[in-house]
Amino acid sequence: MAMSKLRMMTLTVVGFVLILSISFIKKNIDLRSLSTAEGNKLLGHPDLSSYVYPNVIYGHVHIAKTGGTSINGIFANKFERVCGHKGYSYNAYNDNELAKQVKGPADGFEVQVPPEIMEKIGYENCDYVSNETPWEFWIDKFGDGKFHGIPLELHVPCRDRIDHLMSQCNFRHAMLDCDASSDEDFFESVRGCFTNLMVRYHHELAEHFHVQCFDFKKQFTTYTQYMSKRLQPRRLESEPYIKRETNRPRDRMNECIWKRPDLLEKTNVYLLDNVPYYQFCDDCMGSEHEITRE
């Protein structure tokens, strides 16, 4: 009787072990046959296979002296798949950590990715492209869904015309000729401050893309918040972001135009009449196409 009970207990234990072994083998076989999402769920891993990419690629038209270097750098540091002349997501963390080692703002530590390198890398892994390039680039590369059938949505920063002009003058170390003997001589000094102003934007862009604007003053708040709902955050973000200075400090007291209301008015009219970028901003700001409108 004792031997019979022992045999029964042994058979029970062996049977239990056999059932566990079969279950384990079956589980492993099932895992291999499961989809990524099902496997992640079973193993308790986060399900990244269901990530939904934006249904468009976002393009940032980098107009000189509108904070484009900073917004490109901040976005590359904050979001995945940002590709820009002034920074890419893949190495933005280390770039910012290196910039922290520079005393004060990172003067001379401006990150630049040459256009030929951007072309060599390609844009297939980009959700947000920032480029300071002639306007034809956007049409040649992304126009009318030619880029793998993915549409492009363009974002253009808008800044007060006179303030923007004076920032360009500061960058170029130029001065307006407020004592010019004629309007044409004065406007020549205005054009002398232009920093690629006539080549970055053209009205033809609106024939190929949905073009929106955002307020220069709200790009680090409202605009960034808007894009944070459309771009994937990075796992690690280097903080604080170190601004790369591209302009010397401005001294408004040395900018003669502020003391000449007549020239302020003439310049405003001249810029609006002759610069497509300012015409676009004048029409867009305050309309349903302004991203930062509140």
Protein backbone atom coordinates (compact mmCIF):
# COMPACT_ATOMS: atom_id res chain seq x y z
CA MET A 1 0.00 0.00 0.00
CA ALA A 2 2.80 2.43 0.92
CA MET A 3 4.60 1.58 -2.31
CA SER A 4 1.40 2.20 -4.29
CA LYS A 5 0.95 5.67 -2.71
CA LEU A 6 4.59 6.58 -3.41
CA ARG A 7 4.23 5.50 -7.01
CA MET A 8 1.05 7.58 -7.33
CA MET A 9 2.77 10.69 -5.88
CA THR A 10 5.74 10.22 -8.23
CA LEU A 11 3.49 9.94 -11.25
CA THR A 12 1.60 13.08 -10.16
CA VAL A 13 4.80 15.14 -9.82
CA VAL A 14 6.15 13.88 -13.14
CA GLY A 15 2.85 14.65 -14.82
CA PHE A 16 2.80 18.18 -13.38
CA VAL A 17 6.35 18.84 -14.56
CA LEU A 18 5.47 17.46 -17.99
CA ILE A 19 2.44 19.76 -18.24
CA LEU A 20 4.57 22.78 -17.27
CA SER A 21 7.21 21.85 -19.83
CA ILE A 22 4.65 21.46 -22.60
CA SER A 23 3.06 24.75 -21.60
CA PHE A 24 6.46 26.51 -21.66
CA ILE A 25 7.32 25.06 -25.07
CA LYS A 26 3.89 26.00 -26.43
CA LYS A 27 4.25 29.49 -25.02
CA ASN A 28 7.58 29.98 -26.80
CA ILE A 29 6.14 28.64 -30.03
CA ASP A 30 3.18 30.97 -29.68
CA LEU A 31 5.43 33.97 -29.02
CA ARG A 32 7.20 33.37 -32.29
CA SER A 33 3.88 33.28 -34.11
CA LEU A 34 2.50 36.39 -32.44
CA SER A 35 2.57 39.85 -33.93
CA THR A 36 4.93 42.42 -32.42
CA ALA A 37 2.06 44.14 -30.63
CA GLU A 38 0.74 40.85 -29.17
CA GLY A 39 4.21 39.76 -28.11
CA ASN A 40 4.94 43.09 -26.42
CA LYS A 41 1.66 42.92 -24.53
CA LEU A 42 2.29 39.34 -23.37
CA LEU A 43 5.80 40.16 -22.16
CA GLY A 44 4.80 43.45 -20.55
CA HIS A 45 6.85 45.57 -22.99
CA PRO A 46 5.54 48.92 -24.25
CA ASP A 47 3.77 48.55 -27.58
CA LEU A 48 5.62 50.81 -30.01
CA SER A 49 4.35 49.08 -33.12
CA SER A 50 1.13 51.08 -32.92
CA TYR A 51 2.94 54.46 -33.11
CA VAL A 52 1.17 56.58 -35.69
CA TYR A 53 3.42 58.75 -37.83
CA PRO A 54 2.17 62.19 -38.83
CA ASN A 55 0.18 62.08 -42.06
CA VAL A 56 2.40 64.87 -43.37
CA ILE A 57 6.01 65.98 -43.16
CA TYR A 58 6.39 69.41 -41.58
CA GLY A 59 8.71 71.89 -43.26
CA HIS A 60 10.18 74.90 -41.48
CA VAL A 61 11.08 77.71 -43.89
CA HIS A 62 14.10 79.18 -42.11
CA ILE A 63 13.90 82.91 -42.81
CA ALA A 64 17.17 84.50 -41.66
CA LYS A 65 16.94 86.38 -38.35
CA THR A 66 13.66 84.88 -37.19
CA GLY A 67 15.06 82.55 -34.53
CA GLY A 68 15.37 79.59 -36.90
CA THR A 69 18.72 78.39 -35.55
CA SER A 70 17.24 78.17 -32.05
CA ILE A 71 13.94 76.54 -33.02
CA ASN A 72 15.76 73.96 -35.15
CA GLY A 73 18.19 73.19 -32.30
CA ILE A 74 15.47 73.05 -29.63
CA PHE A 75 13.25 70.79 -31.72
CA ALA A 76 16.15 68.44 -32.55
CA ASN A 77 16.90 68.18 -28.84
CA LYS A 78 13.24 67.73 -27.85
CA PHE A 79 11.69 65.60 -30.61
CA GLU A 80 12.55 62.57 -32.71
CA ARG A 81 13.16 62.69 -36.46
CA VAL A 82 13.94 66.39 -36.74
CA CYS A 83 16.27 67.03 -39.67
CA GLY A 84 17.71 70.48 -40.15
CA HIS A 85 20.58 72.56 -41.44
CA LYS A 86 21.09 73.64 -37.83
CA GLY A 87 20.69 70.24 -36.21
CA TYR A 88 19.43 66.65 -36.35
CA SER A 89 17.74 64.70 -33.58
CA TYR A 90 20.20 61.80 -33.69
CA ASN A 91 23.13 63.79 -32.23
CA ALA A 92 21.39 66.81 -30.69
CA TYR A 93 21.85 65.56 -27.12
CA ASN A 94 25.64 65.40 -27.34
CA ASP A 95 25.82 68.68 -29.27
CA ASN A 96 24.02 70.46 -26.46
CA GLU A 97 26.13 68.78 -23.79
CA LEU A 98 29.26 70.04 -25.58
CA ALA A 99 27.76 73.52 -25.83
CA LYS A 100 27.35 73.55 -22.05
CA GLN A 101 31.13 73.46 -21.74
CA VAL A 102 31.41 76.82 -23.49
CA LYS A 103 31.32 79.76 -21.08
CA GLY A 104 28.27 81.94 -21.71
CA PRO A 105 26.03 81.53 -24.76
CA ALA A 106 27.57 79.13 -27.24
CA ASP A 107 29.11 81.71 -29.55
CA GLY A 108 30.94 80.00 -32.37
CA PHE A 109 29.38 76.65 -31.49
CA GLU A 110 26.72 76.84 -34.16
CA VAL A 111 25.84 73.41 -35.54
CA GLN A 112 25.61 73.35 -39.32
CA VAL A 113 24.84 70.41 -41.57
CA PRO A 114 25.86 71.31 -45.14
CA PRO A 115 23.16 70.92 -47.81
CA GLU A 116 25.13 68.24 -49.63
CA ILE A 117 25.28 66.17 -46.42
CA MET A 118 21.54 66.64 -45.88
CA GLU A 119 20.95 65.37 -49.40
CA LYS A 120 23.26 62.40 -48.81
CA ILE A 121 21.43 61.48 -45.59
CA GLY A 122 18.04 61.88 -47.28
CA TYR A 123 14.72 62.81 -45.70
CA GLU A 124 13.10 59.39 -45.42
CA ASN A 125 13.46 59.38 -41.63
CA CYS A 126 12.27 62.94 -41.08
CA ASP A 127 9.00 64.17 -39.59
CA TYR A 128 10.18 67.81 -39.43
CA VAL A 129 12.60 69.39 -41.90
CA SER A 130 14.15 72.79 -41.22
CA ASN A 131 16.16 74.34 -43.99
CA GLU A 132 17.58 77.75 -44.87
CA THR A 133 17.65 77.30 -48.59
CA PRO A 134 16.21 78.88 -51.74
CA TRP A 135 12.46 78.31 -51.94
CA GLU A 136 12.75 76.04 -54.96
CA PHE A 137 14.17 73.30 -52.71
CA TRP A 138 10.77 72.59 -51.21
CA ILE A 139 9.08 72.13 -54.57
CA ASP A 140 11.94 70.14 -56.11
CA LYS A 141 12.10 67.72 -53.19
CA PHE A 142 8.55 67.55 -51.81
CA GLY A 143 6.25 69.29 -54.27
CA ASP A 144 2.86 67.75 -55.05
CA GLY A 145 3.45 64.61 -52.98
CA LYS A 146 6.44 63.49 -55.06
CA PHE A 147 8.28 62.44 -51.89
CA HIS A 148 6.93 58.88 -51.48
CA GLY A 149 3.41 60.27 -51.79
CA ILE A 150 3.70 62.10 -48.44
CA PRO A 151 2.38 65.67 -48.44
CA LEU A 152 4.40 68.52 -46.94
CA GLU A 153 3.00 71.25 -44.70
CA LEU A 154 5.13 74.40 -44.62
CA HIS A 155 5.51 76.62 -41.56
CA VAL A 156 6.79 80.18 -42.01
CA PRO A 157 7.86 82.41 -39.06
CA CYS A 158 6.62 86.01 -39.18
CA ARG A 159 8.26 88.96 -37.45
CA ASP A 160 7.56 92.70 -37.33
CA ARG A 161 8.96 94.10 -40.58
CA ILE A 162 11.06 96.95 -39.20
CA ASP A 163 12.38 94.95 -36.27
CA HIS A 164 13.28 92.14 -38.65
CA LEU A 165 15.02 94.55 -41.01
CA MET A 166 17.11 96.00 -38.20
CA SER A 167 18.12 92.53 -37.02
CA GLN A 168 19.37 91.82 -40.54
CA CYS A 169 21.30 95.11 -40.55
CA ASN A 170 22.88 94.10 -37.26
CA PHE A 171 23.86 90.71 -38.63
CA ARG A 172 25.45 92.27 -41.71
CA HIS A 173 27.10 95.09 -39.71
CA ALA A 174 25.25 97.56 -41.93
CA MET A 175 23.57 100.85 -41.19
CA LEU A 176 20.56 102.50 -42.78
CA ASP A 177 21.35 105.80 -44.47
CA CYS A 178 18.81 107.98 -42.70
CA ASP A 179 20.50 111.10 -44.11
CA ALA A 180 20.30 109.92 -47.72
CA SER A 181 19.63 112.68 -50.24
CA SER A 182 16.85 110.72 -51.97
CA ASP A 183 14.37 107.96 -51.25
CA GLU A 184 16.14 105.68 -53.73
CA ASP A 185 19.47 106.13 -51.95
CA PHE A 186 17.76 105.36 -48.64
CA PHE A 187 16.04 102.25 -50.04
CA GLU A 188 19.38 101.09 -51.42
CA SER A 189 20.67 101.05 -47.84
CA VAL A 190 17.53 99.10 -46.85
CA ARG A 191 18.23 96.47 -49.52
CA GLY A 192 21.83 96.33 -48.33
CA CYS A 193 20.59 94.79 -45.08
CA PHE A 194 18.59 92.00 -46.72
CA THR A 195 19.92 88.59 -45.66
CA ASN A 196 18.75 86.09 -48.28
CA LEU A 197 15.35 87.71 -47.82
CA MET A 198 14.26 87.48 -51.44
CA VAL A 199 15.21 83.83 -52.00
CA ARG A 200 13.78 81.91 -49.02
CA TYR A 201 10.06 82.49 -49.66
CA HIS A 202 8.00 82.80 -52.85
CA HIS A 203 4.24 82.91 -53.40
CA GLU A 204 4.54 79.88 -55.69
CA LEU A 205 4.98 77.70 -52.60
CA ALA A 206 1.26 78.09 -51.87
CA GLU A 207 0.51 76.46 -55.22
CA HIS A 208 2.15 73.22 -54.07
CA PHE A 209 1.76 73.11 -50.28
CA HIS A 210 -0.48 74.00 -47.38
CA VAL A 211 1.48 76.99 -46.01
CA GLN A 212 0.91 78.25 -42.47
CA CYS A 213 2.54 81.01 -40.41
CA PHE A 214 3.48 81.46 -36.77
CA ASP A 215 4.39 84.44 -34.64
CA PHE A 216 8.12 84.90 -34.14
CA LYS A 217 7.45 85.98 -30.54
CA LYS A 218 5.51 82.81 -29.75
CA GLN A 219 7.70 80.20 -31.40
CA PHE A 220 9.22 78.95 -28.15
CA THR A 221 5.84 78.77 -26.38
CA THR A 222 2.66 78.41 -28.42
CA TYR A 223 4.31 77.05 -31.55
CA THR A 224 6.44 74.55 -29.62
CA GLN A 225 3.35 73.39 -27.70
CA TYR A 226 1.50 72.98 -30.99
CA MET A 227 4.26 70.83 -32.48
CA SER A 228 4.64 68.78 -29.28
CA LYS A 229 1.25 67.24 -30.10
CA ARG A 230 2.46 66.25 -33.56
CA LEU A 231 6.07 65.11 -33.05
CA GLN A 232 7.35 62.22 -30.95
CA PRO A 233 9.27 63.26 -27.81
CA ARG A 234 12.81 62.00 -27.39
CA ARG A 235 13.70 59.51 -24.67
CA LEU A 236 16.40 61.83 -23.30
CA GLU A 237 16.57 65.61 -23.60
CA SER A 238 19.67 67.64 -22.77
CA GLU A 239 18.62 70.52 -20.53
CA PRO A 240 18.85 73.42 -20.45
CA TYR A 241 19.16 74.11 -24.16
CA ILE A 242 22.17 76.34 -24.85
CA LYS A 243 21.35 79.05 -27.36
CA ARG A 244 23.75 79.44 -30.27
CA GLU A 245 24.23 83.16 -30.83
CA THR A 246 24.48 84.33 -34.42
CA ASN A 247 24.03 88.08 -33.82
CA ARG A 248 25.88 90.58 -31.71
CA PRO A 249 23.67 92.47 -29.20
CA ARG A 250 21.64 95.23 -30.84
CA ASP A 251 21.78 98.84 -29.67
CA ARG A 252 18.49 100.48 -30.68
CA MET A 253 19.88 103.88 -29.72
CA ASN A 254 22.22 103.60 -32.69
CA GLU A 255 19.43 102.62 -35.09
CA CYS A 256 18.48 105.93 -36.64
CA ILE A 257 15.17 104.79 -38.08
CA TRP A 258 13.43 104.82 -34.69
CA LYS A 259 14.00 108.57 -34.48
CA ARG A 260 12.48 109.19 -37.92
CA PRO A 261 8.72 108.51 -38.08
CA ASP A 262 8.73 109.54 -41.74
CA LEU A 263 11.31 106.89 -42.61
CA LEU A 264 9.51 104.30 -40.51
CA GLU A 265 6.38 104.80 -42.58
CA LYS A 266 8.25 104.82 -45.91
CA THR A 267 10.19 101.69 -45.01
CA ASN A 268 7.09 99.80 -43.92
CA VAL A 269 5.37 100.59 -47.20
CA TYR A 270 8.48 99.76 -49.25
CA LEU A 271 8.96 96.38 -47.58
CA LEU A 272 5.32 95.41 -47.98
CA ASP A 273 5.24 96.48 -51.63
CA ASN A 274 8.47 94.74 -52.65
CA VAL A 275 9.10 91.67 -50.49
CA PRO A 276 6.90 88.57 -51.05
CA TYR A 277 7.73 87.22 -47.58
CA TYR A 278 6.34 90.31 -45.87
CA GLN A 279 3.27 90.21 -48.12
CA PHE A 280 2.63 86.61 -47.07
CA CYS A 281 2.98 87.44 -43.37
CA ASP A 282 0.70 90.46 -43.70
CA ASP A 283 -2.03 88.24 -45.17
CA CYS A 284 -1.44 85.21 -42.94
CA MET A 285 -1.05 86.66 -39.46
CA GLY A 286 -4.39 86.85 -37.71
CA SER A 287 -6.03 84.54 -40.26
CA GLU A 288 -7.09 80.90 -39.91
CA HIS A 289 -3.68 79.96 -41.29
CA GLU A 290 -1.78 81.37 -38.29
CA ILE A 291 -0.77 78.50 -36.02
CA THR A 292 -0.18 80.77 -33.01
CA ARG A 293 -3.44 82.70 -33.25
CA GLU A 294 -5.26 82.75 -29.91
